[in-house]
Amino acid sequence: MANNKDNRKMTVEEAGRMGGEQTAKTHDKEFYQEIGRKGGEATADSHGREFYEEIGRKGGEATSDSHDREFYQEIGRQGGEARSDSDGRDGKMSREEAGRKGGEARARQRDNS
């Protein structure tokens, strides 16, 4: 095992950090995008729909546990604004209003659980 600056054996964490720093010096953004794409494809090939549903559910629960009503209202508002900026009105509920209502509904759901 390699030694660190203090002449003692490196921990796995230290070795990983140093290896990551060296790799970052020699590779560009496209390299990391490519390995990310390949990893995503490999994961998709080895897992079915249930896997993604489960991690989505867990992520949603973790987010819900760590955020309050105002958080959901704000992201709903921002999502609605982003959607309304991207296209014109088509006679349906505005994207902003839909985002606001969705944020409020999610906040109510969280308050009731």
C-alpha atoms as a PDB file:
ATOM      1  CA  MET A   1       0.000   0.000   0.000  1.00  0.00           C
ATOM      2  CA  ALA A   2       1.225   3.515  -0.765  1.00  0.00           C
ATOM      3  CA  ASN A   3       2.270   5.968   1.872  1.00  0.00           C
ATOM      4  CA  ASN A   4       0.832   9.438   2.389  1.00  0.00           C
ATOM      5  CA  LYS A   5       2.637  12.692   3.202  1.00  0.00           C
ATOM      6  CA  ASP A   6       3.069  11.676   6.868  1.00  0.00           C
ATOM      7  CA  ASN A   7       4.843   8.471   5.765  1.00  0.00           C
ATOM      8  CA  ARG A   8       2.042   6.259   7.028  1.00  0.00           C
ATOM      9  CA  LYS A   9      -0.175   3.934   5.026  1.00  0.00           C
ATOM     10  CA  MET A  10      -2.960   5.685   3.147  1.00  0.00           C
ATOM     11  CA  THR A  11      -6.532   4.987   4.013  1.00  0.00           C
ATOM     12  CA  VAL A  12      -8.868   3.821   1.282  1.00  0.00           C
ATOM     13  CA  GLU A  13     -10.509   7.248   1.463  1.00  0.00           C
ATOM     14  CA  GLU A  14      -7.196   9.050   0.927  1.00  0.00           C
ATOM     15  CA  ALA A  15      -6.242   6.794  -1.972  1.00  0.00           C
ATOM     16  CA  GLY A  16      -9.644   7.291  -3.598  1.00  0.00           C
ATOM     17  CA  ARG A  17      -9.470  11.042  -3.218  1.00  0.00           C
ATOM     18  CA  MET A  18      -5.966  11.206  -4.660  1.00  0.00           C
ATOM     19  CA  GLY A  19      -6.928   8.933  -7.555  1.00  0.00           C
ATOM     20  CA  GLY A  20      -9.964  11.072  -8.271  1.00  0.00           C
ATOM     21  CA  GLU A  21      -7.867  14.226  -8.260  1.00  0.00           C
ATOM     22  CA  GLN A  22      -5.374  12.689 -10.705  1.00  0.00           C
ATOM     23  CA  THR A  23      -8.164  11.520 -12.994  1.00  0.00           C
ATOM     24  CA  ALA A  24      -9.750  14.989 -12.938  1.00  0.00           C
ATOM     25  CA  LYS A  25      -6.443  16.492 -14.072  1.00  0.00           C
ATOM     26  CA  THR A  26      -6.258  14.266 -17.143  1.00  0.00           C
ATOM     27  CA  HIS A  27      -9.932  14.053 -18.253  1.00  0.00           C
ATOM     28  CA  ASP A  28     -12.488  16.606 -19.392  1.00  0.00           C
ATOM     29  CA  LYS A  29     -16.229  17.047 -18.947  1.00  0.00           C
ATOM     30  CA  GLU A  30     -17.005  14.785 -21.912  1.00  0.00           C
ATOM     31  CA  PHE A  31     -15.134  11.905 -20.258  1.00  0.00           C
ATOM     32  CA  TYR A  32     -17.321  12.131 -17.166  1.00  0.00           C
ATOM     33  CA  GLN A  33     -20.473  12.487 -19.264  1.00  0.00           C
ATOM     34  CA  GLU A  34     -19.556   9.369 -21.214  1.00  0.00           C
ATOM     35  CA  ILE A  35     -18.880   7.210 -18.156  1.00  0.00           C
ATOM     36  CA  GLY A  36     -22.092   8.517 -16.597  1.00  0.00           C
ATOM     37  CA  ARG A  37     -24.047   7.584 -19.735  1.00  0.00           C
ATOM     38  CA  LYS A  38     -22.492   4.106 -19.808  1.00  0.00           C
ATOM     39  CA  GLY A  39     -23.239   3.589 -16.126  1.00  0.00           C
ATOM     40  CA  GLY A  40     -26.837   4.684 -16.611  1.00  0.00           C
ATOM     41  CA  GLU A  41     -27.271   2.300 -19.536  1.00  0.00           C
ATOM     42  CA  ALA A  42     -25.748  -0.586 -17.586  1.00  0.00           C
ATOM     43  CA  THR A  43     -28.055   0.116 -14.646  1.00  0.00           C
ATOM     44  CA  ALA A  44     -31.093   0.321 -16.931  1.00  0.00           C
ATOM     45  CA  ASP A  45     -30.128  -3.003 -18.549  1.00  0.00           C
ATOM     46  CA  SER A  46     -29.820  -4.792 -15.214  1.00  0.00           C
ATOM     47  CA  HIS A  47     -32.880  -3.382 -13.392  1.00  0.00           C
ATOM     48  CA  GLY A  48     -36.548  -3.389 -14.211  1.00  0.00           C
ATOM     49  CA  ARG A  49     -39.328  -0.877 -13.716  1.00  0.00           C
ATOM     50  CA  GLU A  50     -39.857  -1.914 -10.081  1.00  0.00           C
ATOM     51  CA  PHE A  51     -36.299  -0.893  -9.215  1.00  0.00           C
ATOM     52  CA  TYR A  52     -36.847   2.640 -10.499  1.00  0.00           C
ATOM     53  CA  GLU A  53     -40.264   2.882  -8.851  1.00  0.00           C
ATOM     54  CA  GLU A  54     -38.748   1.894  -5.519  1.00  0.00           C
ATOM     55  CA  ILE A  55     -35.836   4.340  -5.652  1.00  0.00           C
ATOM     56  CA  GLY A  56     -38.234   7.076  -6.777  1.00  0.00           C
ATOM     57  CA  ARG A  57     -40.545   6.323  -3.848  1.00  0.00           C
ATOM     58  CA  LYS A  58     -37.651   6.324  -1.377  1.00  0.00           C
ATOM     59  CA  GLY A  59     -36.290   9.577  -2.786  1.00  0.00           C
ATOM     60  CA  GLY A  60     -39.706  11.194  -2.601  1.00  0.00           C
ATOM     61  CA  GLU A  61     -40.139  10.109   1.006  1.00  0.00           C
ATOM     62  CA  ALA A  62     -36.681  11.377   1.966  1.00  0.00           C
ATOM     63  CA  THR A  63     -37.386  14.726   0.293  1.00  0.00           C
ATOM     64  CA  SER A  64     -40.787  14.938   1.945  1.00  0.00           C
ATOM     65  CA  ASP A  65     -39.261  14.248   5.352  1.00  0.00           C
ATOM     66  CA  SER A  66     -36.701  17.012   4.977  1.00  0.00           C
ATOM     67  CA  HIS A  67     -38.834  19.786   3.412  1.00  0.00           C
ATOM     68  CA  ASP A  68     -41.850  21.767   4.521  1.00  0.00           C
ATOM     69  CA  ARG A  69     -45.006  23.091   2.885  1.00  0.00           C
ATOM     70  CA  GLU A  70     -43.295  26.263   1.662  1.00  0.00           C
ATOM     71  CA  PHE A  71     -40.687  24.209  -0.190  1.00  0.00           C
ATOM     72  CA  TYR A  72     -43.347  22.407  -2.219  1.00  0.00           C
ATOM     73  CA  GLN A  73     -45.254  25.590  -2.888  1.00  0.00           C
ATOM     74  CA  GLU A  74     -42.088  27.291  -4.115  1.00  0.00           C
ATOM     75  CA  ILE A  75     -40.985  24.484  -6.425  1.00  0.00           C
ATOM     76  CA  GLY A  76     -44.530  24.275  -7.753  1.00  0.00           C
ATOM     77  CA  ARG A  77     -44.516  27.998  -8.453  1.00  0.00           C
ATOM     78  CA  GLN A  78     -41.096  27.842 -10.118  1.00  0.00           C
ATOM     79  CA  GLY A  79     -42.120  24.867 -12.225  1.00  0.00           C
ATOM     80  CA  GLY A  80     -45.254  26.632 -13.316  1.00  0.00           C
ATOM     81  CA  GLU A  81     -43.331  29.747 -14.251  1.00  0.00           C
ATOM     82  CA  ALA A  82     -40.771  27.758 -16.205  1.00  0.00           C
ATOM     83  CA  ARG A  83     -43.513  25.993 -18.138  1.00  0.00           C
ATOM     84  CA  SER A  84     -45.423  29.178 -18.854  1.00  0.00           C
ATOM     85  CA  ASP A  85     -42.243  30.809 -20.170  1.00  0.00           C
ATOM     86  CA  SER A  86     -41.726  27.946 -22.623  1.00  0.00           C
ATOM     87  CA  ASP A  87     -44.989  28.128 -24.583  1.00  0.00           C
ATOM     88  CA  GLY A  88     -48.203  30.112 -25.044  1.00  0.00           C
ATOM     89  CA  ARG A  89     -51.592  29.629 -23.440  1.00  0.00           C
ATOM     90  CA  ASP A  90     -53.793  27.012 -25.043  1.00  0.00           C
ATOM     91  CA  GLY A  91     -57.068  27.524 -23.166  1.00  0.00           C
ATOM     92  CA  LYS A  92     -56.054  25.171 -20.364  1.00  0.00           C
ATOM     93  CA  MET A  93     -55.056  25.958 -16.799  1.00  0.00           C
ATOM     94  CA  SER A  94     -51.823  27.927 -16.783  1.00  0.00           C
ATOM     95  CA  ARG A  95     -48.681  25.983 -15.988  1.00  0.00           C
ATOM     96  CA  GLU A  96     -48.016  28.336 -13.097  1.00  0.00           C
ATOM     97  CA  GLU A  97     -51.450  27.698 -11.617  1.00  0.00           C
ATOM     98  CA  ALA A  98     -51.046  23.938 -12.095  1.00  0.00           C
ATOM     99  CA  GLY A  99     -47.651  24.064 -10.383  1.00  0.00           C
ATOM    100  CA  ARG A 100     -49.035  26.110  -7.501  1.00  0.00           C
ATOM    101  CA  LYS A 101     -51.993  23.764  -7.051  1.00  0.00           C
ATOM    102  CA  GLY A 102     -49.696  20.745  -7.213  1.00  0.00           C
ATOM    103  CA  GLY A 103     -47.405  22.233  -4.579  1.00  0.00           C
ATOM    104  CA  GLU A 104     -50.345  23.046  -2.330  1.00  0.00           C
ATOM    105  CA  ALA A 105     -51.849  19.571  -2.764  1.00  0.00           C
ATOM    106  CA  ARG A 106     -48.529  17.940  -1.916  1.00  0.00           C
ATOM    107  CA  ALA A 107     -48.159  20.140   1.138  1.00  0.00           C
ATOM    108  CA  ARG A 108     -51.670  19.184   2.311  1.00  0.00           C
ATOM    109  CA  GLN A 109     -50.870  15.530   1.741  1.00  0.00           C
ATOM    110  CA  ARG A 110     -47.718  15.899   3.812  1.00  0.00           C
ATOM    111  CA  ASP A 111     -49.604  17.705   6.604  1.00  0.00           C
ATOM    112  CA  ASN A 112     -52.162  14.879   6.783  1.00  0.00           C
ATOM    113  CA  SER A 113     -49.595  12.081   7.092  1.00  0.00           C
END
